[in-house]
Amino acid sequence: MRKISVLFALLFVFQACKEEKQISLKEGIWLAELTAMDEAILPFNFKITKSGLGGYFMEIYNAEEIIPVDEIEILNDSITIKFPVYEGYIKGTFTETAIEGEFIKESLDRVVPFKASHGITERFRNSSASNMDISGIWETEFEPNTTDSYIGKGIFKQDGDQVSGTFRTTTGDYRYLEGVMSRDSLKISAFDGAHAFVFKAKVSDSSMNGAFYSGNHSKELFVAKRNEAFELPNTDSLTFLKEGYESFTFSFPNEQDQMISLKDERFKNKVVVVQIMGSWCPNCLDETKFYVDYVKKNPEADIEFVALAFEYAKTKEKAFKSISRLKERIGVEYPILLAQFGSSDKALAQQKLPMLNHVLSYPTSIFIDKKGEVRKIHTGFNGPATGLKFVEFKKEFDGFIKELLAE
């Protein structure tokens, strides 16, 4: 009887140790792959390291961009990866060297298949050397010969087979794109926790013909031609006050459900920058980071920033939760008001701001002088991925603000 009791005790201890053993993600470089439309694969690299508290830390890489991710939840063999600011997350199961699951954006009902493998450093597997160099400027048209057509400016540099750069449009840029040239085929991608982009094209010395995939819900054809002199339209002339309106006005709630408007005391006799944005929008995040940094570097400036958020979160509570997350993660101290939830549709946004000819882009910034007059409306935002364009923008912004402050 005693032998049987000892045997059961040993079996219990063995089983307990077995159950306590936790699968560990292997540290180092991983390759992730999302499946877009037409079974197109959207790859990106990330690095996993273990934190001092036994958790995990991730860095996502897009060319020069590094995105830190510090919200990784593990339960047995299940994993949830929450991205900074955005509501999108990856949920799945894992082994030591593999993850399989889905990239999910609940408010938009979007689910994209996801898998990742440890130890693969190449973003795209390149079997053939490039026979051309796409470095330079490309005049681009997306959705050509359709009513949805819009223009872009491709800006690329190539080192061997490796390509980096972006597409600028009148509403912003398509982030830090990275990929390869394989013979006459271009493949470039970006993933930032909100948007998943992959561009594929056939390239000649002077032309491109390809497709742009956004997740597994959108596909746009595009054509491009070399044109070093090409420039996009002036982004300060695309959005304006409609005839009959002399001022820009609004009244929207903050997190405490207090209605805020430009008539409030805090905005009187001050230069005001009104930011039309959404917490889901990467270009808006770039702009918000710039504004936060500008406020920190110019604490004595008599200027106020206020943001009007157009959120696709399905409820008011979830929308404010996203706004609060953005403010906390980025350190935003100026008001972010909820202008709309349930949809980020630009036509609906324009109805909330009827004095504008349209809301063409998230973000859009309205510059108002000390007298309350609109002096400029800047459509879109070309962020750090645009290189010299971003440097030029920062200089122009600072100069214009100083002019308004001096009046």
Protein backbone atom coordinates (compact mmCIF):
# COMPACT_ATOMS: atom_id res chain seq x y z
CA MET A 1 0.00 0.00 0.00
CA ARG A 2 2.86 2.33 0.90
CA LYS A 3 4.54 1.65 -2.48
CA ILE A 4 1.33 2.53 -4.33
CA SER A 5 1.02 5.83 -2.40
CA VAL A 6 4.62 6.77 -3.22
CA LEU A 7 4.04 5.91 -6.88
CA PHE A 8 0.94 8.16 -7.05
CA ALA A 9 2.88 10.94 -5.34
CA LEU A 10 5.68 10.70 -7.88
CA LEU A 11 3.20 10.70 -10.75
CA PHE A 12 1.50 13.80 -9.30
CA VAL A 13 4.81 15.66 -8.97
CA PHE A 14 5.81 14.66 -12.50
CA GLN A 15 2.47 15.81 -13.92
CA ALA A 16 2.62 19.09 -12.00
CA CYS A 17 6.12 19.82 -13.31
CA LYS A 18 4.96 18.97 -16.82
CA GLU A 19 1.98 21.34 -16.55
CA GLU A 20 4.13 24.14 -15.12
CA LYS A 21 6.59 23.97 -17.99
CA GLN A 22 5.86 27.00 -20.21
CA ILE A 23 6.63 27.12 -23.91
CA SER A 24 9.08 29.95 -24.59
CA LEU A 25 9.36 32.06 -27.71
CA LYS A 26 12.85 31.92 -29.11
CA GLU A 27 14.70 35.24 -28.97
CA GLY A 28 16.09 36.88 -32.09
CA ILE A 29 14.88 37.80 -35.58
CA TRP A 30 11.57 36.51 -36.94
CA LEU A 31 9.84 36.81 -40.29
CA ALA A 32 6.10 37.51 -40.23
CA GLU A 33 3.80 37.01 -43.20
CA LEU A 34 0.27 38.36 -43.61
CA THR A 35 -1.92 37.04 -46.43
CA ALA A 36 -3.42 39.87 -48.50
CA MET A 37 -5.87 39.71 -51.42
CA ASP A 38 -5.00 37.43 -54.35
CA GLU A 39 -2.97 35.40 -51.83
CA ALA A 40 -0.28 38.08 -51.98
CA ILE A 41 2.15 37.73 -49.07
CA LEU A 42 2.96 40.80 -46.98
CA PRO A 43 6.17 40.15 -45.02
CA PHE A 44 7.94 42.08 -42.27
CA ASN A 45 10.70 41.34 -39.79
CA PHE A 46 10.63 41.68 -36.04
CA LYS A 47 12.89 40.89 -33.12
CA ILE A 48 11.85 39.18 -29.89
CA THR A 49 13.74 39.64 -26.62
CA LYS A 50 12.85 38.56 -23.11
CA SER A 51 12.24 41.30 -20.57
CA GLY A 52 13.66 41.25 -17.08
CA LEU A 53 10.26 40.37 -15.60
CA GLY A 54 9.91 37.21 -17.65
CA GLY A 55 7.78 38.74 -20.39
CA TYR A 56 8.62 39.61 -23.98
CA PHE A 57 9.48 42.73 -25.93
CA MET A 58 9.18 43.11 -29.71
CA GLU A 59 10.69 45.48 -32.27
CA ILE A 60 9.09 45.70 -35.73
CA TYR A 61 11.38 46.81 -38.57
CA ASN A 62 10.44 48.80 -41.68
CA ALA A 63 13.58 50.20 -43.34
CA GLU A 64 14.86 52.87 -40.87
CA GLU A 65 11.71 52.65 -38.74
CA ILE A 66 11.72 50.68 -35.47
CA ILE A 67 8.37 50.18 -33.72
CA PRO A 68 8.59 49.01 -30.07
CA VAL A 69 5.85 46.67 -28.85
CA ASP A 70 5.67 46.05 -25.09
CA GLU A 71 2.20 44.50 -24.70
CA ILE A 72 2.62 40.78 -25.36
CA GLU A 73 0.37 38.45 -23.38
CA ILE A 74 1.13 34.74 -23.05
CA LEU A 75 -1.20 32.05 -21.70
CA ASN A 76 -0.05 28.46 -22.18
CA ASP A 77 0.46 28.25 -25.96
CA SER A 78 -1.72 31.29 -26.77
CA ILE A 79 -0.31 34.71 -27.60
CA THR A 80 -1.81 38.18 -28.00
CA ILE A 81 0.31 41.04 -29.37
CA LYS A 82 -1.15 44.52 -28.87
CA PHE A 83 0.38 47.35 -30.88
CA PRO A 84 1.14 50.78 -29.42
CA VAL A 85 -1.69 53.32 -29.85
CA TYR A 86 -3.69 51.38 -32.45
CA GLU A 87 -6.54 48.98 -31.66
CA GLY A 88 -5.26 46.28 -34.02
CA TYR A 89 -3.72 43.17 -32.47
CA ILE A 90 -2.38 39.73 -33.38
CA LYS A 91 -3.90 36.70 -31.69
CA GLY A 92 -2.81 33.11 -32.17
CA THR A 93 -0.91 30.11 -30.89
CA PHE A 94 2.82 29.53 -30.79
CA THR A 95 5.67 27.10 -30.42
CA GLU A 96 9.26 27.99 -29.69
CA THR A 97 9.95 28.93 -33.32
CA ALA A 98 6.55 29.60 -34.92
CA ILE A 99 3.42 31.72 -34.42
CA GLU A 100 0.17 31.21 -36.29
CA GLY A 101 -2.95 33.31 -35.95
CA GLU A 102 -4.67 36.46 -37.21
CA PHE A 103 -4.17 40.22 -37.36
CA ILE A 104 -7.49 41.64 -36.12
CA LYS A 105 -9.12 45.10 -36.28
CA GLU A 106 -12.41 44.62 -34.47
CA SER A 107 -14.06 47.96 -35.23
CA LEU A 108 -13.66 47.36 -38.97
CA ASP A 109 -14.46 43.63 -38.79
CA ARG A 110 -11.16 42.86 -40.51
CA VAL A 111 -9.22 39.64 -39.97
CA VAL A 112 -5.99 38.88 -41.83
CA PRO A 113 -4.22 35.48 -41.63
CA PHE A 114 -0.81 35.74 -39.93
CA LYS A 115 2.15 33.46 -39.39
CA ALA A 116 5.73 33.99 -38.26
CA SER A 117 8.91 31.90 -38.26
CA HIS A 118 12.04 32.34 -36.19
CA GLY A 119 15.49 32.87 -37.66
CA ILE A 120 14.60 34.26 -41.11
CA THR A 121 16.25 37.64 -41.70
CA GLU A 122 15.20 38.21 -45.32
CA ARG A 123 11.97 40.20 -45.73
CA PHE A 124 11.45 38.86 -49.26
CA ARG A 125 13.17 35.75 -50.53
CA ASN A 126 15.10 36.89 -53.57
CA SER A 127 16.14 34.15 -55.98
CA SER A 128 17.36 36.38 -58.83
CA ALA A 129 19.60 39.41 -58.92
CA SER A 130 18.17 42.74 -60.04
CA ASN A 131 18.91 43.84 -63.59
CA MET A 132 17.93 47.50 -63.00
CA ASP A 133 18.02 50.28 -60.43
CA ILE A 134 14.78 52.10 -59.51
CA SER A 135 16.44 54.83 -57.44
CA GLY A 136 14.83 58.22 -58.06
CA ILE A 137 11.42 59.86 -58.49
CA TRP A 138 8.42 58.14 -60.05
CA GLU A 139 5.28 59.96 -61.18
CA THR A 140 2.51 57.59 -60.13
CA GLU A 141 -1.21 57.14 -60.74
CA PHE A 142 -3.28 54.78 -58.60
CA GLU A 143 -6.46 53.30 -60.04
CA PRO A 144 -5.77 54.82 -63.49
CA ASN A 145 -8.66 55.48 -65.87
CA THR A 146 -11.26 55.22 -63.09
CA THR A 147 -13.28 57.72 -61.07
CA ASP A 148 -11.18 56.71 -58.04
CA SER A 149 -7.91 57.72 -59.68
CA TYR A 150 -5.38 59.66 -57.58
CA ILE A 151 -1.75 60.65 -58.03
CA GLY A 152 1.35 59.82 -56.04
CA LYS A 153 5.07 60.39 -56.02
CA GLY A 154 7.33 57.37 -55.62
CA ILE A 155 10.64 58.14 -53.92
CA PHE A 156 13.08 55.22 -53.87
CA LYS A 157 16.69 54.32 -53.30
CA GLN A 158 18.25 50.99 -54.19
CA ASP A 159 21.41 49.35 -52.85
CA GLY A 160 22.15 46.16 -54.72
CA ASP A 161 18.85 44.28 -54.68
CA GLN A 162 17.55 46.09 -51.57
CA VAL A 163 14.96 48.86 -52.03
CA SER A 164 13.57 51.39 -49.57
CA GLY A 165 11.43 54.51 -49.92
CA THR A 166 7.77 55.47 -50.00
CA PHE A 167 4.90 56.79 -52.09
CA ARG A 168 3.75 60.30 -51.23
CA THR A 169 0.21 61.35 -52.11
CA THR A 170 -1.78 64.54 -51.59
CA THR A 171 -3.08 63.06 -48.33
CA GLY A 172 0.14 61.71 -46.84
CA ASP A 173 2.68 58.96 -47.36
CA TYR A 174 2.61 55.16 -47.39
CA ARG A 175 5.10 54.76 -44.56
CA TYR A 176 8.59 53.24 -44.57
CA LEU A 177 8.50 50.75 -47.44
CA GLU A 178 11.21 48.12 -47.71
CA GLY A 179 11.81 45.25 -50.10
CA VAL A 180 13.71 43.92 -53.10
CA MET A 181 14.18 44.09 -56.83
CA SER A 182 14.33 40.61 -58.36
CA ARG A 183 15.22 40.90 -62.03
CA ASP A 184 12.39 43.18 -63.24
CA SER A 185 10.04 42.60 -60.28
CA LEU A 186 9.61 45.01 -57.37
CA LYS A 187 8.25 43.87 -54.01
CA ILE A 188 8.04 46.31 -51.08
CA SER A 189 6.00 46.29 -47.88
CA ALA A 190 5.33 47.98 -44.55
CA PHE A 191 3.53 46.98 -41.37
CA ASP A 192 3.06 49.32 -38.41
CA GLY A 193 0.30 47.74 -36.33
CA ALA A 194 -2.41 49.76 -38.06
CA HIS A 195 -1.85 49.40 -41.80
CA ALA A 196 -0.42 46.48 -43.73
CA PHE A 197 0.85 47.50 -47.17
CA VAL A 198 2.50 45.54 -49.97
CA PHE A 199 3.31 46.82 -53.47
CA LYS A 200 4.20 44.50 -56.35
CA ALA A 201 5.21 45.74 -59.79
CA LYS A 202 6.90 44.89 -63.05
CA VAL A 203 9.54 47.48 -63.84
CA SER A 204 11.30 48.65 -66.98
CA ASP A 205 13.91 51.39 -67.25
CA SER A 206 11.22 54.06 -67.29
CA SER A 207 7.91 52.55 -66.15
CA MET A 208 6.17 50.51 -63.46
CA ASN A 209 2.97 48.54 -63.64
CA GLY A 210 1.69 46.94 -60.48
CA ALA A 211 -0.76 46.45 -57.64
CA PHE A 212 -1.02 47.93 -54.15
CA TYR A 213 -2.58 45.72 -51.46
CA SER A 214 -3.82 47.03 -48.13
CA GLY A 215 -4.43 44.07 -45.85
CA ASN A 216 -6.84 41.61 -47.43
CA HIS A 217 -9.62 44.16 -47.99
CA SER A 218 -8.22 46.46 -50.68
CA LYS A 219 -6.36 46.21 -53.98
CA GLU A 220 -5.46 49.15 -56.22
CA LEU A 221 -3.66 48.98 -59.55
CA PHE A 222 -1.02 51.61 -60.27
CA VAL A 223 1.23 52.81 -63.05
CA ALA A 224 4.34 54.96 -62.75
CA LYS A 225 6.97 56.58 -64.92
CA ARG A 226 10.34 58.10 -64.14
CA ASN A 227 10.11 61.87 -63.70
CA GLU A 228 12.73 63.56 -61.53
CA ALA A 229 10.95 66.91 -61.89
CA PHE A 230 7.53 65.66 -60.76
CA GLU A 231 5.83 67.39 -57.83
CA LEU A 232 2.47 66.89 -56.15
CA PRO A 233 -0.03 69.78 -55.91
CA ASN A 234 0.47 72.31 -53.12
CA THR A 235 -1.06 70.75 -50.01
CA ASP A 236 -1.98 74.20 -48.65
CA SER A 237 -4.52 74.82 -51.45
CA LEU A 238 -6.56 71.58 -51.51
CA THR A 239 -8.86 72.30 -48.55
CA PHE A 240 -10.40 75.72 -47.88
CA LEU A 241 -13.34 77.56 -46.32
CA LYS A 242 -16.40 77.51 -48.53
CA GLU A 243 -17.87 80.76 -49.82
CA GLY A 244 -20.16 82.29 -47.24
CA TYR A 245 -18.12 81.14 -44.26
CA GLU A 246 -15.73 83.57 -42.58
CA SER A 247 -14.46 81.38 -39.76
CA PHE A 248 -13.81 77.83 -38.64
CA THR A 249 -16.01 76.68 -35.74
CA PHE A 250 -16.69 73.50 -33.80
CA SER A 251 -18.10 72.22 -30.53
CA PHE A 252 -17.22 68.65 -29.53
CA PRO A 253 -16.80 66.77 -26.21
CA ASN A 254 -13.60 65.84 -24.42
CA GLU A 255 -13.09 62.73 -22.25
CA GLN A 256 -15.01 64.36 -19.39
CA ASP A 257 -17.94 64.99 -21.76
CA GLN A 258 -17.33 68.74 -21.57
CA MET A 259 -18.11 70.60 -24.79
CA ILE A 260 -15.06 72.46 -26.13
CA SER A 261 -15.16 75.17 -28.80
CA LEU A 262 -12.93 77.88 -30.22
CA LYS A 263 -14.98 80.42 -28.27
CA ASP A 264 -13.50 79.09 -25.02
CA GLU A 265 -11.22 81.40 -23.06
CA ARG A 266 -8.12 79.26 -23.56
CA PHE A 267 -8.16 79.93 -27.33
CA LYS A 268 -8.84 83.67 -27.28
CA ASN A 269 -6.12 85.94 -28.71
CA LYS A 270 -3.90 82.97 -29.41
CA VAL A 271 -2.57 81.21 -32.46
CA VAL A 272 -4.49 77.94 -32.75
CA VAL A 273 -3.72 74.81 -34.76
CA VAL A 274 -6.77 72.55 -35.18
CA GLN A 275 -5.87 68.98 -36.14
CA ILE A 276 -8.45 66.79 -37.91
CA MET A 277 -7.30 63.25 -37.20
CA GLY A 278 -8.03 59.74 -35.94
CA SER A 279 -6.24 57.55 -33.39
CA TRP A 280 -6.22 54.74 -36.02
CA CYS A 281 -4.26 56.77 -38.59
CA PRO A 282 -0.45 56.34 -38.90
CA ASN A 283 0.04 59.69 -40.70
CA CYS A 284 -1.96 61.32 -37.89
CA LEU A 285 0.31 59.63 -35.37
CA ASP A 286 3.38 61.04 -37.14
CA GLU A 287 1.83 64.50 -37.08
CA THR A 288 0.77 64.17 -33.44
CA LYS A 289 4.30 63.18 -32.43
CA PHE A 290 5.60 66.25 -34.27
CA TYR A 291 3.10 68.57 -32.54
CA VAL A 292 3.87 67.09 -29.11
CA ASP A 293 7.58 67.60 -29.74
CA TYR A 294 6.97 71.18 -30.96
CA VAL A 295 5.06 72.05 -27.79
CA LYS A 296 7.87 70.65 -25.62
CA LYS A 297 10.53 72.62 -27.51
CA ASN A 298 8.52 75.87 -27.49
CA PRO A 299 6.94 76.05 -24.00
CA GLU A 300 6.74 79.87 -24.04
CA ALA A 301 4.95 80.13 -27.38
CA ASP A 302 1.44 81.58 -27.11
CA ILE A 303 -0.06 78.78 -29.19
CA GLU A 304 -2.79 76.22 -28.63
CA PHE A 305 -3.28 72.86 -30.33
CA VAL A 306 -6.60 71.03 -30.35
CA ALA A 307 -7.47 67.80 -32.18
CA LEU A 308 -10.82 66.68 -33.58
CA ALA A 309 -10.90 62.87 -33.66
CA PHE A 310 -12.98 60.96 -36.20
CA GLU A 311 -13.00 57.40 -34.88
CA TYR A 312 -14.24 54.18 -36.45
CA ALA A 313 -14.67 52.55 -33.01
CA LYS A 314 -18.26 51.34 -32.79
CA THR A 315 -19.14 53.00 -29.47
CA LYS A 316 -18.40 56.33 -27.82
CA GLU A 317 -16.72 54.52 -24.92
CA LYS A 318 -14.37 52.58 -27.21
CA ALA A 319 -13.59 55.74 -29.18
CA PHE A 320 -12.56 57.61 -26.04
CA LYS A 321 -10.57 54.58 -24.92
CA SER A 322 -8.57 54.77 -28.17
CA ILE A 323 -8.08 58.52 -27.72
CA SER A 324 -6.89 58.05 -24.12
CA ARG A 325 -4.48 55.32 -25.25
CA LEU A 326 -3.01 57.66 -27.86
CA LYS A 327 -2.62 60.50 -25.34
CA GLU A 328 -0.95 58.27 -22.77
CA ARG A 329 1.44 56.51 -25.16
CA ILE A 330 2.56 59.65 -27.01
CA GLY A 331 2.30 62.16 -24.16
CA VAL A 332 -0.35 64.41 -25.75
CA GLU A 333 -1.28 67.25 -23.39
CA TYR A 334 -3.52 69.24 -25.72
CA PRO A 335 -7.25 68.39 -26.00
CA ILE A 336 -8.37 65.60 -28.33
CA LEU A 337 -12.13 65.93 -28.83
CA LEU A 338 -14.45 63.25 -30.17
CA ALA A 339 -15.99 64.63 -33.35
CA GLN A 340 -17.42 61.33 -34.63
CA PHE A 341 -17.47 57.62 -33.78
CA GLY A 342 -18.70 54.56 -35.65
CA SER A 343 -17.16 55.69 -38.92
CA SER A 344 -14.19 57.64 -40.25
CA ASP A 345 -15.98 58.32 -43.55
CA LYS A 346 -14.72 61.66 -44.90
CA ALA A 347 -18.11 62.64 -46.32
CA LEU A 348 -19.64 62.28 -42.85
CA ALA A 349 -16.72 64.23 -41.39
CA GLN A 350 -17.36 67.07 -43.83
CA GLN A 351 -20.97 67.20 -42.62
CA LYS A 352 -19.66 67.81 -39.10
CA LEU A 353 -17.47 70.62 -40.47
CA PRO A 354 -19.70 72.20 -43.16
CA MET A 355 -17.52 75.28 -43.53
CA LEU A 356 -14.85 73.19 -45.32
CA ASN A 357 -15.09 72.40 -49.03
CA HIS A 358 -14.29 68.80 -48.08
CA VAL A 359 -12.34 66.66 -45.65
CA LEU A 360 -9.87 65.20 -48.11
CA SER A 361 -7.42 63.69 -45.68
CA TYR A 362 -6.70 62.50 -42.20
CA PRO A 363 -4.84 64.43 -40.96
CA THR A 364 -5.70 67.99 -41.97
CA SER A 365 -4.54 71.01 -39.98
CA ILE A 366 -6.24 74.42 -39.81
CA PHE A 367 -4.04 77.38 -38.80
CA ILE A 368 -5.93 80.19 -37.07
CA ASP A 369 -4.41 83.56 -36.14
CA LYS A 370 -4.92 85.61 -32.96
CA LYS A 371 -7.96 87.33 -34.49
CA GLY A 372 -9.66 84.01 -35.14
CA GLU A 373 -9.12 84.08 -38.90
CA VAL A 374 -8.14 80.98 -40.86
CA ARG A 375 -4.74 81.67 -42.41
CA LYS A 376 -3.92 78.29 -43.90
CA ILE A 377 -5.29 74.75 -44.19
CA HIS A 378 -2.70 72.03 -44.69
CA THR A 379 -4.00 68.76 -46.15
CA GLY A 380 -2.29 65.50 -45.20
CA PHE A 381 1.08 64.96 -43.56
CA ASN A 382 4.34 63.78 -45.04
CA GLY A 383 6.17 62.18 -42.13
CA PRO A 384 9.71 60.96 -41.43
CA ALA A 385 9.52 58.31 -44.17
CA THR A 386 9.59 61.11 -46.80
CA GLY A 387 13.10 62.23 -45.80
CA LEU A 388 13.92 65.72 -47.08
CA LYS A 389 10.22 66.56 -47.53
CA PHE A 390 9.72 66.08 -43.80
CA VAL A 391 12.75 68.26 -43.04
CA GLU A 392 11.34 70.99 -45.32
CA PHE A 393 7.92 70.74 -43.68
CA LYS A 394 9.34 71.20 -40.18
CA LYS A 395 11.21 74.32 -41.26
CA GLU A 396 8.15 75.77 -43.04
CA PHE A 397 5.89 75.00 -40.08
CA ASP A 398 8.17 76.70 -37.59
CA GLY A 399 8.57 79.77 -39.81
CA PHE A 400 4.82 80.15 -40.38
CA ILE A 401 3.96 79.75 -36.69
CA LYS A 402 6.55 82.38 -35.76
CA GLU A 403 5.00 84.78 -38.31
CA LEU A 404 1.56 84.32 -36.75
CA LEU A 405 2.93 84.74 -33.23
CA ALA A 406 4.70 87.96 -34.19
CA GLU A 407 1.52 89.64 -35.47
